[in-house]
Structures are given as structure tokens and as C-alpha cells.
Amino acid sequence: MNLELRVVIRQLGFLMFVLAALIAAVALFAVYERLTGRSPHGADLRALSITAFVGFFFGGLLYVAGRRTPELFGHREAMLLVAASWLLGAALAALPYRLWSAFPSDAGPAAHDFDTYVNCYFEAMSGLTTTGATVVQATGALPRSLLLWRALTQWLGGLGIVVLFVAVFPLLGVGSRRLYRVEAPGPSPQGVRPRIRDTARILWLIYLGLTVAEVLALRLCGMGWFDAVCHTFATLATGGFSTQDSSIAAYPSAAVHVVVIIFMILAGINFGLYHQLLQRQWDSVKKDPELRLYLTIILVATVIVTISLLRNSSSVAASTGEEATLGTTVRHSLFQVISIQTTTGFCSADFDLWGFAAKATLLILMFIGASAGSTGGGIKVMRIMIAAKVLLAEIEHVYRPKVVRPVKIGKAVIEPELKLNTLVYVLGIALLFAVGTVLIMLLETANGVDITSAASAAAATLNNIGPGLARVGATQDYAWFTASSKLVMSILMLLGRLEMFTIIVLFTPRFWRTQ
């Protein structure tokens, strides 16, 4: 069977239309900003309007090019469409930044056009993949319309722009199931409906409901409507883009911190469990093994970080600007543990000033990540469970070679294929992390990058977290990297968001051959 490119081209046209429509909606907000005097020059309005026009124009061209498409949508077409959607989507999402103005960077105003666009593409890819790594050195310099677009890209990427695509457009037919399986986060997305479009719609309705709830909660805590919307988009997408340079640390209100903590936890849970709650399946949710381990990891990590900070209370005051009381220490420990494990990347404190034990714990959490079927990144708690179970089973097999015991998660037996897939994925992430670290160090020789900065930058982008340690720490940005390093990290973001295989398979010759 030949790879049918026309069906991919047609659906990419639809994707361009969707993104262009959303950019046009943000342009209307820019009109409001100009009328109220917040954006008197209107450069952001021009940038957004031109981008919307470009999106509609090229979306139309792609649709016309693929209009005579056969009703064929196989697994290879699904993988190619998902990968192309993120690459092309990031290119369009970057255009408002570029048309408005170059992002400030260490390269200075004389930076080459290519370097400038790479900055914009990095920011857009970071948004859509919900990574939250930024090249913006002064958030206040961006118009509010672009800050809204920046936050919206994360909200779209939370459950995946392609899942939105499946929910809105029924034109994919039976191919939508293949597309959803390729796009949906986690090793085994928990279906909630027999029809895949119904599943996608239910997930997005839950997502919308949580969005409205958090916006209202943050507003009640005293946050302005605009900041509440932008931070809600970033929280539920586990993205981490903030309207403030100091992230959530700019809001000293404990109530704001508690609200963000609650919704970060909710965003890191398998969304299929929410549907079970709506169906009043309380017991199945309470007994879910991944949920239990997810919450246990948060609890244990918080205890470790809290003890580490209590032994060095001066680091708490230095990193938060607050008195190092027990309540303050626990709150910031819990906030950063949840922020890193769910791969949100918000910062309530400069955790780079914390002790070794606290930073080592956060580094481990970067790789563990959130639950399968959530908006979070990382390896996922489910894969950690499976890998640990397989390891324990192999250890038992050494001293009890005649015992044959199936590997189970709860009452479900893990099939050999899933065990192999999990182990290969964990090994692949470790390999990509090592390769990414080496490449960044080689490309940043002139900048004298240290191993901690390079390794944490690779880990933070691959696992879609954002902040790392040292030169990419909680109060730092990614503007100082060379364009080559930013492209490498953009690829790492995409590999992490699409869980590696979808991208890597495109570079295998057999993928493009007739089957």
C-alpha cells in the first residue's frame, strides 16, 4: 500500500485553518487592546492579522491540493500527519512573534534573520509541546495579545492539537482512531467511549470545565482576569508560560499557590479517570494503581525536599524572599515538586539555590513525569510502574527460575509486547538525553557551558518541563543558547511530546517504501 500523501496534505490544510481562526480571535483581542490604549502602535495587531491571513491562504492551498483524496487513512498517514502538524503548526505559531519584533537575545540587535526566526520557532514549539522553556528575557516587553497567544499555544498543546482536530472534524472517518492513538499522551490512553470522536470530545469538555474552574478560582484569589486566563492555560496544559518574569513567585499570595497546586495535580492525572468520576465509578478511581503511585511520589518527594530545606533554612529565605517558617517551606516544597513532576515548570522559588538533595529529587522527578493520559510529559508514572515490575520479576527469576509469575498492574496482566515497548521507550529516553546533552555541549563550546546546564537543558526540553538547573534554572532563560542548540532542543521537545517513536520512524527508509 502506497503512502497516501494527499490525505495528509488535506488535513494539514484544515489544521492551518483552525490555527488561523484562533490567531484571528487573538487579533480581535489586540483590537480591544488598541482601543483601550494598551497597545497604541498596533504592531501586535498587524502581526496577528498578517499571520491569520497567511494561515487561511496556505490552508486553502493545501486543502485544494488534497481535495480529491481517497477514503484512505492508514497508520503511516496518521504518524506523518501528527509529526507534520506539530512542525507546521509551530512554524505558523512563531510568525506573530517574528512579525511583531525579534525576541531579545544575547546575540543583540544585529542577529541574523535566521537566528531571530529560530528564537521565535523555539518559543512556539515550546508552547505547543507545553515545555515552557523561553527565550523571552523581559516578559513585560511583550504586548498582552502576544502573551495571550503564547499561553493559548500551550493550552492547545495540552491535550494535543490533533486530538482537537479529531473532536472538531469528523472527516477523518475510521482513520481518526489511528490518529488519536498516535497523538494521545501516555503508553495506553484510557478510552472512555467506543467511538474515538466521542472520546476526544469528552476529554476536551473535561478540559474546558477544569479551565473555567481554575480561572474563577484564581480570580477569587485576587488575580486579574487576564493573568488568571493565561496562568490557567499554562497550568492545565502543564506548560508553565507566565505573564511575569518571576513566574508564580510574582504572586506572594498563598491562596494563589494553593489553587495552582491543586490544578497542577489534576492536570497530571489520567483524564479517563475524570470520566469515571462523572459515571460515579468511585471504587475504580480510588483503586487505580497509577493514581496511587502518582500521589505517593508527590508525597515522598515533598517530604524529602522539605527536610532538605529545613536543614538549610537560609536557602528558603534566599529563594523565596519569605520568612523560612515550616508552613512556607512545606508550601514551596510541595509547589516545586508538583510543578516539576507534572512537567508544568512554574516556579514559586529559585530552587537552584536549594541543597543537593532537593535538586537531585527534582531532577529525578523530571524523568518520572505525570500519569498516562494526562497533559503532562516525562516518561509517565505508568511506564515507571511497568519497568519496575519487570525488573523485580527478572530479579525473582534469577533465584526462582522455575517460578512463572505474570507481571500485573492492578488486576491487569501486562502483555509481553507492552513490556518490551516500555523498556525500549525508557532506554530510548535515556539515549536521547545523553545524545542531547553531548550535542548541546559541543554546540556551546564557545559559551563555555557546564555539564549541569547542558544536561538539565536536555532533560527539561526532552521531558517538556522548561526550567532546569544552573544557567537554565528557575530565574534563567534559553536566550543565550546558539541557534543550533535551540534547534536541537526544539527537536527534543517534539520527541518528548510525541513520545519519540512517531518522529524517529519517519527517518527509517522502510516507512516511505511501498508495503
Protein backbone atom coordinates (compact mmCIF):
# COMPACT_ATOMS: atom_id res chain seq x y z
CA MET A 1 0.00 0.00 0.00
CA ASN A 2 1.44 3.37 -1.03
CA LEU A 3 1.76 6.18 1.46
CA GLU A 4 -1.14 8.47 0.54
CA LEU A 5 0.30 11.98 0.87
CA ARG A 6 -2.80 13.78 -0.42
CA VAL A 7 -4.85 12.89 2.65
CA VAL A 8 -2.07 14.29 4.84
CA ILE A 9 -1.91 17.48 2.79
CA ARG A 10 -5.67 17.97 3.02
CA GLN A 11 -5.77 17.54 6.79
CA LEU A 12 -2.80 19.89 7.18
CA GLY A 13 -4.91 22.44 5.33
CA PHE A 14 -7.66 22.01 7.93
CA LEU A 15 -5.09 22.40 10.70
CA MET A 16 -3.88 25.68 9.20
CA PHE A 17 -7.49 26.91 9.10
CA VAL A 18 -8.00 26.06 12.79
CA LEU A 19 -4.82 27.82 13.90
CA ALA A 20 -5.54 30.81 11.65
CA ALA A 21 -9.03 31.14 13.15
CA LEU A 22 -7.58 31.12 16.67
CA ILE A 23 -4.95 33.69 15.71
CA ALA A 24 -7.72 35.84 14.24
CA ALA A 25 -9.57 35.60 17.56
CA VAL A 26 -6.46 36.80 19.41
CA ALA A 27 -6.23 39.62 16.83
CA LEU A 28 -9.68 40.75 17.99
CA PHE A 29 -8.27 40.95 21.50
CA ALA A 30 -5.43 43.07 20.05
CA VAL A 31 -8.10 45.39 18.60
CA TYR A 32 -9.56 45.76 22.09
CA GLU A 33 -6.09 46.45 23.48
CA ARG A 34 -5.57 49.21 20.90
CA LEU A 35 -8.96 50.78 21.56
CA THR A 36 -8.24 50.88 25.30
CA GLY A 37 -4.81 52.42 24.72
CA ARG A 38 -2.75 49.48 25.99
CA SER A 39 -1.22 48.92 22.54
CA PRO A 40 -1.21 52.34 20.86
CA HIS A 41 1.11 51.45 17.98
CA GLY A 42 -0.82 48.36 16.86
CA ALA A 43 2.26 46.38 15.82
CA ASP A 44 0.87 43.28 17.52
CA LEU A 45 -2.43 43.66 15.67
CA ARG A 46 -0.63 43.83 12.34
CA ALA A 47 1.48 40.78 13.19
CA LEU A 48 -1.52 38.71 14.23
CA SER A 49 -3.66 39.83 11.27
CA ILE A 50 -0.95 39.02 8.73
CA THR A 51 -0.36 35.63 10.35
CA ALA A 52 -4.08 34.82 10.26
CA PHE A 53 -4.17 35.73 6.56
CA VAL A 54 -1.12 33.56 5.87
CA GLY A 55 -2.73 30.66 7.72
CA PHE A 56 -6.01 30.93 5.81
CA PHE A 57 -4.20 31.35 2.47
CA PHE A 58 -1.85 28.39 2.78
CA GLY A 59 -4.54 26.32 4.48
CA GLY A 60 -6.69 26.87 1.40
CA LEU A 61 -3.84 25.92 -0.92
CA LEU A 62 -3.20 22.70 0.97
CA TYR A 63 -6.88 21.83 1.02
CA VAL A 64 -7.21 22.39 -2.73
CA ALA A 65 -4.08 20.32 -3.36
CA GLY A 66 -5.56 17.40 -1.44
CA ARG A 67 -9.25 17.85 -2.26
CA ARG A 68 -9.51 14.67 -4.37
CA THR A 69 -8.45 12.41 -1.56
CA PRO A 70 -9.46 8.76 -1.40
CA GLU A 71 -11.09 7.46 1.77
CA LEU A 72 -7.80 6.01 2.98
CA PHE A 73 -6.15 6.89 6.23
CA GLY A 74 -3.71 4.26 7.39
CA HIS A 75 -1.29 4.09 10.28
CA ARG A 76 1.56 5.59 8.30
CA GLU A 77 -0.56 8.54 7.19
CA ALA A 78 -1.58 9.11 10.82
CA MET A 79 2.02 9.21 12.02
CA LEU A 80 3.12 11.51 9.21
CA LEU A 81 0.16 13.84 9.81
CA VAL A 82 0.82 14.11 13.54
CA ALA A 83 4.52 14.88 13.06
CA ALA A 84 3.86 17.34 10.23
CA SER A 85 1.07 19.02 12.25
CA TRP A 86 3.42 19.92 15.08
CA LEU A 87 6.23 21.05 12.79
CA LEU A 88 3.98 23.14 10.55
CA GLY A 89 1.86 24.34 13.47
CA ALA A 90 4.94 25.64 15.27
CA ALA A 91 6.07 27.44 12.11
CA LEU A 92 2.75 29.29 11.87
CA ALA A 93 2.54 29.90 15.63
CA ALA A 94 6.01 31.52 15.51
CA LEU A 95 5.05 34.04 12.83
CA PRO A 96 3.28 36.60 15.09
CA TYR A 97 6.43 36.81 17.24
CA ARG A 98 8.63 37.36 14.20
CA LEU A 99 6.35 39.92 12.53
CA TRP A 100 5.95 41.87 15.77
CA SER A 101 9.62 42.07 16.73
CA ALA A 102 12.62 39.85 17.33
CA PHE A 103 12.81 38.38 20.82
CA PRO A 104 15.61 39.98 22.85
CA SER A 105 18.63 37.72 22.97
CA ASP A 106 22.30 37.77 23.82
CA ALA A 107 23.01 37.88 20.10
CA GLY A 108 21.95 41.53 20.14
CA PRO A 109 20.03 43.59 17.58
CA ALA A 110 22.40 42.62 14.79
CA ALA A 111 21.36 38.96 14.98
CA HIS A 112 20.90 37.24 11.66
CA ASP A 113 17.32 36.78 10.41
CA PHE A 114 17.72 33.01 10.69
CA ASP A 115 18.76 33.27 14.34
CA THR A 116 15.83 35.57 15.01
CA TYR A 117 13.31 33.20 13.46
CA VAL A 118 14.85 30.25 15.34
CA ASN A 119 14.15 32.17 18.56
CA CYS A 120 10.52 32.57 17.52
CA TYR A 121 10.23 28.95 16.40
CA PHE A 122 11.76 27.76 19.67
CA GLU A 123 9.19 29.78 21.63
CA ALA A 124 6.31 28.47 19.51
CA MET A 125 7.46 24.84 19.73
CA SER A 126 7.95 25.25 23.46
CA GLY A 127 4.37 26.47 23.69
CA LEU A 128 2.71 23.79 21.57
CA THR A 129 4.67 20.99 23.22
CA THR A 130 3.82 22.52 26.65
CA THR A 131 7.51 22.70 27.52
CA GLY A 132 7.62 26.25 28.82
CA ALA A 133 11.28 26.89 28.02
CA THR A 134 11.52 30.50 26.89
CA VAL A 135 13.87 32.89 25.12
CA VAL A 136 11.91 35.89 26.40
CA GLN A 137 14.12 37.85 28.77
CA ALA A 138 11.58 40.55 29.64
CA THR A 139 8.00 39.26 29.60
CA GLY A 140 6.67 42.74 30.26
CA ALA A 141 8.07 43.88 26.89
CA LEU A 142 5.57 41.68 25.03
CA PRO A 143 2.11 43.06 24.20
CA ARG A 144 -0.69 41.36 26.12
CA SER A 145 -2.11 39.96 22.87
CA LEU A 146 1.11 38.04 22.22
CA LEU A 147 1.21 36.90 25.84
CA LEU A 148 -2.31 35.57 25.34
CA TRP A 149 -1.29 33.80 22.12
CA ARG A 150 1.75 32.40 23.90
CA ALA A 151 -0.46 30.97 26.65
CA LEU A 152 -3.05 29.73 24.16
CA THR A 153 -0.45 27.70 22.27
CA GLN A 154 0.20 25.78 25.48
CA TRP A 155 -3.49 25.25 26.15
CA LEU A 156 -3.90 23.86 22.63
CA GLY A 157 -0.92 21.57 23.07
CA GLY A 158 -2.18 20.28 26.42
CA LEU A 159 -4.38 17.52 25.03
CA GLY A 160 -2.91 17.92 21.58
CA ILE A 161 -3.93 20.00 18.60
CA VAL A 162 -4.59 16.80 16.67
CA VAL A 163 -6.98 15.48 19.35
CA LEU A 164 -8.84 18.80 18.98
CA PHE A 165 -8.76 18.14 15.25
CA VAL A 166 -10.41 14.74 15.73
CA ALA A 167 -13.02 16.23 18.06
CA VAL A 168 -13.98 19.06 15.70
CA PHE A 169 -13.70 17.46 12.27
CA PRO A 170 -15.42 14.11 11.65
CA LEU A 171 -13.88 13.94 8.18
CA LEU A 172 -11.12 11.56 9.24
CA GLY A 173 -13.56 8.65 9.47
CA VAL A 174 -12.05 5.38 10.68
CA GLY A 175 -8.61 6.96 10.45
CA SER A 176 -9.39 9.10 13.47
CA ARG A 177 -8.80 6.13 15.78
CA ARG A 178 -5.32 5.62 14.38
CA LEU A 179 -4.63 9.35 14.60
CA TYR A 180 -5.78 9.54 18.21
CA ARG A 181 -3.66 6.56 19.25
CA VAL A 182 -0.58 8.18 17.73
CA GLU A 183 -1.28 11.61 19.26
CA ALA A 184 -2.76 10.90 22.70
CA PRO A 185 -0.20 11.12 25.54
CA GLY A 186 0.80 8.06 27.55
CA PRO A 187 1.55 4.41 26.85
CA SER A 188 -2.09 3.29 26.89
CA PRO A 189 -4.67 6.07 26.74
CA GLN A 190 -7.75 5.06 28.69
CA GLY A 191 -10.67 5.21 26.29
CA VAL A 192 -13.94 6.45 27.69
CA ARG A 193 -16.19 5.91 24.70
CA PRO A 194 -16.39 3.26 21.95
CA ARG A 195 -16.29 5.95 19.23
CA ILE A 196 -12.98 7.78 19.16
CA ARG A 197 -14.52 11.15 18.24
CA ASP A 198 -16.78 10.87 21.27
CA THR A 199 -13.70 10.18 23.40
CA ALA A 200 -11.92 13.26 22.06
CA ARG A 201 -14.97 15.45 22.64
CA ILE A 202 -15.41 14.20 26.22
CA LEU A 203 -11.74 14.82 27.00
CA TRP A 204 -11.98 18.36 25.69
CA LEU A 205 -15.22 19.05 27.60
CA ILE A 206 -13.48 17.94 30.81
CA TYR A 207 -10.52 20.11 29.85
CA LEU A 208 -12.80 23.10 29.26
CA GLY A 209 -14.59 22.53 32.57
CA LEU A 210 -11.33 22.49 34.52
CA THR A 211 -10.21 25.61 32.64
CA VAL A 212 -13.29 27.59 33.65
CA ALA A 213 -12.99 26.37 37.25
CA GLU A 214 -9.38 27.48 37.61
CA VAL A 215 -9.94 30.88 36.01
CA LEU A 216 -12.71 31.59 38.51
CA ALA A 217 -10.64 30.25 41.43
CA LEU A 218 -7.63 32.44 40.57
CA ARG A 219 -9.88 35.46 40.11
CA LEU A 220 -11.39 34.89 43.54
CA CYS A 221 -7.83 34.81 44.93
CA GLY A 222 -7.26 38.34 43.65
CA MET A 223 -5.52 37.66 40.33
CA GLY A 224 -6.67 39.81 37.40
CA TRP A 225 -8.79 38.27 34.66
CA PHE A 226 -6.03 38.38 32.04
CA ASP A 227 -3.39 36.81 34.28
CA ALA A 228 -5.92 34.26 35.54
CA VAL A 229 -6.72 33.13 31.99
CA CYS A 230 -3.07 32.95 30.90
CA HIS A 231 -1.94 31.07 34.01
CA THR A 232 -4.89 28.70 33.77
CA PHE A 233 -3.99 27.87 30.17
CA ALA A 234 -0.41 27.16 31.27
CA THR A 235 -1.43 25.18 34.38
CA LEU A 236 -3.90 22.75 32.82
CA ALA A 237 -1.62 22.23 29.83
CA THR A 238 1.26 21.63 32.29
CA GLY A 239 3.11 24.22 30.24
CA GLY A 240 4.47 26.87 32.57
CA PHE A 241 4.48 30.06 30.50
CA SER A 242 3.75 33.00 32.79
CA THR A 243 2.91 36.63 32.22
CA GLN A 244 5.54 37.50 34.84
CA ASP A 245 9.33 37.18 34.64
CA SER A 246 9.42 35.57 38.08
CA SER A 247 6.57 33.15 37.26
CA ILE A 248 4.21 32.33 40.15
CA ALA A 249 6.76 33.82 42.57
CA ALA A 250 5.39 37.20 41.44
CA TYR A 251 2.21 36.35 43.36
CA PRO A 252 3.08 36.02 47.06
CA SER A 253 -0.50 35.05 47.91
CA ALA A 254 -0.58 31.59 49.48
CA ALA A 255 -4.13 31.20 48.13
CA VAL A 256 -2.88 31.58 44.54
CA HIS A 257 -0.17 28.99 45.19
CA VAL A 258 -2.70 26.53 46.63
CA VAL A 259 -5.07 26.92 43.66
CA VAL A 260 -2.23 26.36 41.17
CA ILE A 261 -1.01 23.34 43.19
CA ILE A 262 -4.48 21.75 43.10
CA PHE A 263 -4.94 22.21 39.36
CA MET A 264 -1.40 21.08 38.53
CA ILE A 265 -2.17 17.84 40.39
CA LEU A 266 -5.45 17.50 38.49
CA ALA A 267 -3.72 18.14 35.15
CA GLY A 268 -1.23 15.36 35.88
CA ILE A 269 -3.95 12.72 36.40
CA ASN A 270 -5.25 10.43 33.63
CA PHE A 271 -8.23 12.29 32.17
CA GLY A 272 -10.04 8.98 31.69
CA LEU A 273 -10.45 8.84 35.48
CA TYR A 274 -12.48 12.05 35.41
CA HIS A 275 -14.98 10.41 33.10
CA GLN A 276 -15.19 7.51 35.54
CA LEU A 277 -15.90 10.01 38.31
CA LEU A 278 -18.69 11.52 36.25
CA GLN A 279 -20.07 7.98 35.88
CA ARG A 280 -19.80 7.60 39.69
CA GLN A 281 -17.29 4.78 39.44
CA TRP A 282 -15.68 5.82 42.72
CA ASP A 283 -14.10 2.47 43.58
CA SER A 284 -12.29 2.06 40.28
CA VAL A 285 -10.80 5.54 40.63
CA LYS A 286 -9.72 5.01 44.25
CA LYS A 287 -8.12 1.67 43.38
CA ASP A 288 -6.33 2.92 40.26
CA PRO A 289 -2.70 1.84 40.80
CA GLU A 290 -1.16 4.61 38.71
CA LEU A 291 -3.09 7.31 40.57
CA ARG A 292 -1.96 5.89 43.90
CA LEU A 293 1.69 5.79 42.86
CA TYR A 294 1.46 9.28 41.33
CA LEU A 295 0.20 10.75 44.60
CA THR A 296 2.67 8.68 46.64
CA ILE A 297 5.62 10.00 44.63
CA ILE A 298 4.42 13.58 45.22
CA LEU A 299 4.13 12.94 48.96
CA VAL A 300 7.51 11.22 49.35
CA ALA A 301 9.35 13.78 47.19
CA THR A 302 7.77 16.66 49.13
CA VAL A 303 8.93 15.16 52.42
CA ILE A 304 12.49 14.75 51.11
CA VAL A 305 12.65 18.31 49.73
CA THR A 306 11.09 19.76 52.89
CA ILE A 307 13.60 18.00 55.17
CA SER A 308 16.44 19.17 52.94
CA LEU A 309 15.22 22.79 53.14
CA LEU A 310 14.62 22.65 56.89
CA ARG A 311 18.26 21.67 57.36
CA ASN A 312 19.26 24.84 55.49
CA SER A 313 16.56 27.40 56.24
CA SER A 314 18.61 30.25 54.82
CA SER A 315 18.11 28.84 51.30
CA VAL A 316 14.34 29.10 51.74
CA ALA A 317 14.51 32.80 52.59
CA ALA A 318 17.00 33.45 49.80
CA SER A 319 14.99 31.59 47.15
CA THR A 320 11.52 32.83 48.11
CA GLY A 321 12.03 36.19 49.76
CA GLU A 322 9.77 34.98 52.60
CA GLU A 323 10.43 34.07 56.19
CA ALA A 324 11.56 30.44 56.45
CA THR A 325 8.66 29.13 58.53
CA LEU A 326 7.54 25.50 58.44
CA GLY A 327 4.39 26.43 56.52
CA THR A 328 6.34 28.42 53.93
CA THR A 329 8.89 25.64 53.50
CA VAL A 330 6.25 22.94 53.02
CA ARG A 331 4.25 25.11 50.60
CA HIS A 332 7.21 25.87 48.33
CA SER A 333 8.49 22.29 48.53
CA LEU A 334 5.08 20.93 47.54
CA PHE A 335 4.68 23.53 44.79
CA GLN A 336 8.03 22.78 43.14
CA VAL A 337 7.69 19.01 43.49
CA ILE A 338 4.30 19.05 41.77
CA SER A 339 5.39 21.63 39.20
CA ILE A 340 8.38 19.51 38.15
CA GLN A 341 6.70 16.09 38.29
CA THR A 342 3.70 17.23 36.28
CA THR A 343 6.20 18.96 33.94
CA THR A 344 4.39 22.28 34.37
CA GLY A 345 7.55 24.23 35.12
CA PHE A 346 6.05 27.05 37.19
CA CYS A 347 8.41 28.45 39.83
CA SER A 348 7.40 29.77 43.24
CA ALA A 349 11.06 29.91 44.31
CA ASP A 350 14.55 29.89 42.84
CA PHE A 351 15.14 26.20 43.55
CA ASP A 352 18.63 26.45 42.06
CA LEU A 353 19.62 27.89 45.46
CA TRP A 354 18.42 24.78 47.27
CA GLY A 355 20.64 21.98 48.55
CA PHE A 356 21.86 18.93 46.66
CA ALA A 357 19.21 16.53 47.98
CA ALA A 358 16.37 18.85 46.97
CA LYS A 359 17.77 19.48 43.47
CA ALA A 360 18.56 15.80 42.93
CA THR A 361 14.97 14.92 43.85
CA LEU A 362 13.62 17.45 41.37
CA LEU A 363 15.95 16.13 38.67
CA ILE A 364 14.62 12.59 39.17
CA LEU A 365 11.05 13.88 39.00
CA MET A 366 11.84 15.47 35.63
CA PHE A 367 12.15 12.00 34.14
CA ILE A 368 9.25 10.35 36.00
CA GLY A 369 6.65 12.82 34.81
CA ALA A 370 2.88 12.71 35.18
CA SER A 371 0.27 9.99 34.59
CA ALA A 372 -0.52 8.37 31.25
CA GLY A 373 -3.46 10.06 29.57
CA SER A 374 -2.72 13.39 31.28
CA THR A 375 -1.45 16.63 29.78
CA GLY A 376 1.94 16.14 31.46
CA GLY A 377 5.17 14.93 29.90
CA GLY A 378 8.06 12.78 31.08
CA ILE A 379 8.37 9.01 30.92
CA LYS A 380 4.99 8.70 32.71
CA VAL A 381 4.19 7.01 36.03
CA MET A 382 2.61 4.02 34.27
CA ARG A 383 5.83 3.23 32.42
CA ILE A 384 7.82 3.58 35.63
CA MET A 385 5.45 1.06 37.25
CA ILE A 386 5.76 -1.40 34.38
CA ALA A 387 9.56 -1.08 34.21
CA ALA A 388 9.86 -1.60 37.99
CA LYS A 389 7.56 -4.64 37.89
CA VAL A 390 9.54 -6.18 35.03
CA LEU A 391 12.82 -5.55 36.88
CA LEU A 392 11.52 -7.18 40.07
CA ALA A 393 10.18 -10.13 38.09
CA GLU A 394 13.56 -10.66 36.43
CA ILE A 395 15.33 -10.46 39.80
CA GLU A 396 12.96 -13.09 41.19
CA HIS A 397 13.55 -15.25 38.13
CA VAL A 398 17.28 -15.34 38.97
CA TYR A 399 16.77 -17.14 42.28
CA ARG A 400 13.49 -18.84 41.36
CA PRO A 401 13.98 -19.87 37.75
CA LYS A 402 11.05 -22.32 37.79
CA VAL A 403 8.51 -19.78 39.01
CA VAL A 404 6.40 -18.26 36.24
CA ARG A 405 4.59 -15.23 37.59
CA PRO A 406 2.72 -12.83 35.26
CA VAL A 407 3.53 -9.15 35.58
CA LYS A 408 0.41 -7.27 36.69
CA ILE A 409 -0.65 -3.66 37.18
CA GLY A 410 -3.62 -3.95 39.48
CA LYS A 411 -5.59 -6.87 38.09
CA ALA A 412 -4.44 -6.37 34.51
CA VAL A 413 -1.73 -8.65 33.14
CA ILE A 414 0.94 -6.77 31.21
CA GLU A 415 1.40 -8.31 27.77
CA PRO A 416 4.96 -9.09 26.58
CA GLU A 417 4.62 -6.55 23.76
CA LEU A 418 3.82 -3.74 26.20
CA LYS A 419 6.68 -4.77 28.50
CA LEU A 420 9.12 -4.64 25.60
CA ASN A 421 7.69 -1.33 24.36
CA THR A 422 8.06 0.19 27.82
CA LEU A 423 11.64 -0.92 28.31
CA VAL A 424 12.61 0.26 24.82
CA TYR A 425 10.98 3.63 25.49
CA VAL A 426 12.79 4.14 28.79
CA LEU A 427 16.08 3.16 27.15
CA GLY A 428 15.34 5.46 24.22
CA ILE A 429 14.69 8.43 26.51
CA ALA A 430 17.97 7.75 28.33
CA LEU A 431 19.80 7.60 25.00
CA LEU A 432 18.19 10.78 23.68
CA PHE A 433 19.04 12.55 26.93
CA ALA A 434 22.70 11.53 26.60
CA VAL A 435 22.89 12.48 22.92
CA GLY A 436 21.12 15.78 23.55
CA THR A 437 23.50 16.65 26.39
CA VAL A 438 26.58 15.89 24.27
CA LEU A 439 25.26 17.86 21.29
CA ILE A 440 24.46 20.91 23.42
CA MET A 441 27.93 20.83 24.98
CA LEU A 442 29.57 20.56 21.55
CA LEU A 443 27.46 23.37 20.07
CA GLU A 444 28.00 25.63 23.08
CA THR A 445 31.79 25.27 23.32
CA ALA A 446 32.23 28.99 22.71
CA ASN A 447 29.79 29.79 25.52
CA GLY A 448 31.65 27.56 27.95
CA VAL A 449 28.52 25.71 29.00
CA ASP A 450 28.88 23.47 32.05
CA ILE A 451 27.67 19.87 32.24
CA THR A 452 24.89 20.72 34.71
CA SER A 453 23.41 23.37 32.42
CA ALA A 454 23.69 21.19 29.31
CA ALA A 455 22.28 18.07 30.97
CA SER A 456 19.39 19.85 32.67
CA ALA A 457 18.57 21.74 29.44
CA ALA A 458 18.40 18.41 27.59
CA ALA A 459 16.29 16.85 30.36
CA ALA A 460 13.99 19.86 30.67
CA THR A 461 13.25 20.07 26.94
CA LEU A 462 13.05 16.32 26.30
CA ASN A 463 10.62 15.86 29.19
CA ASN A 464 8.71 19.08 28.36
CA ILE A 465 9.40 20.80 31.67
CA GLY A 466 11.04 24.16 30.88
CA PRO A 467 13.25 25.24 33.78
CA GLY A 468 16.30 23.20 34.67
CA LEU A 469 19.37 23.93 36.80
CA ALA A 470 22.35 26.30 36.69
CA ARG A 471 22.20 28.52 33.56
CA VAL A 472 18.69 27.30 32.69
CA GLY A 473 17.47 27.46 36.29
CA ALA A 474 14.26 28.84 37.71
CA THR A 475 15.19 32.50 37.13
CA GLN A 476 17.07 31.96 33.85
CA ASP A 477 16.05 31.62 30.19
CA TYR A 478 17.26 29.93 26.99
CA ALA A 479 18.07 33.09 25.01
CA TRP A 480 21.83 32.70 25.42
CA PHE A 481 22.00 29.40 23.51
CA THR A 482 23.12 29.41 19.88
CA ALA A 483 20.54 28.89 17.12
CA SER A 484 21.91 25.37 16.51
CA SER A 485 21.36 24.39 20.14
CA LYS A 486 17.84 25.83 20.07
CA LEU A 487 17.02 23.71 17.02
CA VAL A 488 18.36 20.63 18.80
CA MET A 489 16.25 21.42 21.84
CA SER A 490 13.19 22.08 19.65
CA ILE A 491 13.61 18.57 18.26
CA LEU A 492 13.96 17.21 21.80
CA MET A 493 10.70 18.96 22.77
CA LEU A 494 8.90 17.35 19.84
CA LEU A 495 10.40 13.93 20.53
CA GLY A 496 9.29 14.15 24.14
CA ARG A 497 5.78 15.41 23.37
CA LEU A 498 5.11 12.81 20.67
CA GLU A 499 6.86 10.13 22.72
CA MET A 500 9.78 9.53 20.42
CA PHE A 501 8.64 6.74 18.10
CA THR A 502 6.32 8.88 15.95
CA ILE A 503 9.21 11.11 14.92
CA ILE A 504 12.00 8.55 14.72
CA VAL A 505 10.01 6.25 12.46
CA LEU A 506 9.88 8.97 9.79
CA PHE A 507 13.67 8.66 9.39
CA THR A 508 13.54 4.95 8.59
CA PRO A 509 13.67 4.20 4.83
CA ARG A 510 11.11 1.40 5.11
CA PHE A 511 8.47 3.87 6.31
CA TRP A 512 8.45 5.52 2.88
CA ARG A 513 8.51 2.32 0.83
CA THR A 514 5.51 0.61 -0.69
CA GLN A 515 4.10 -2.00 1.69
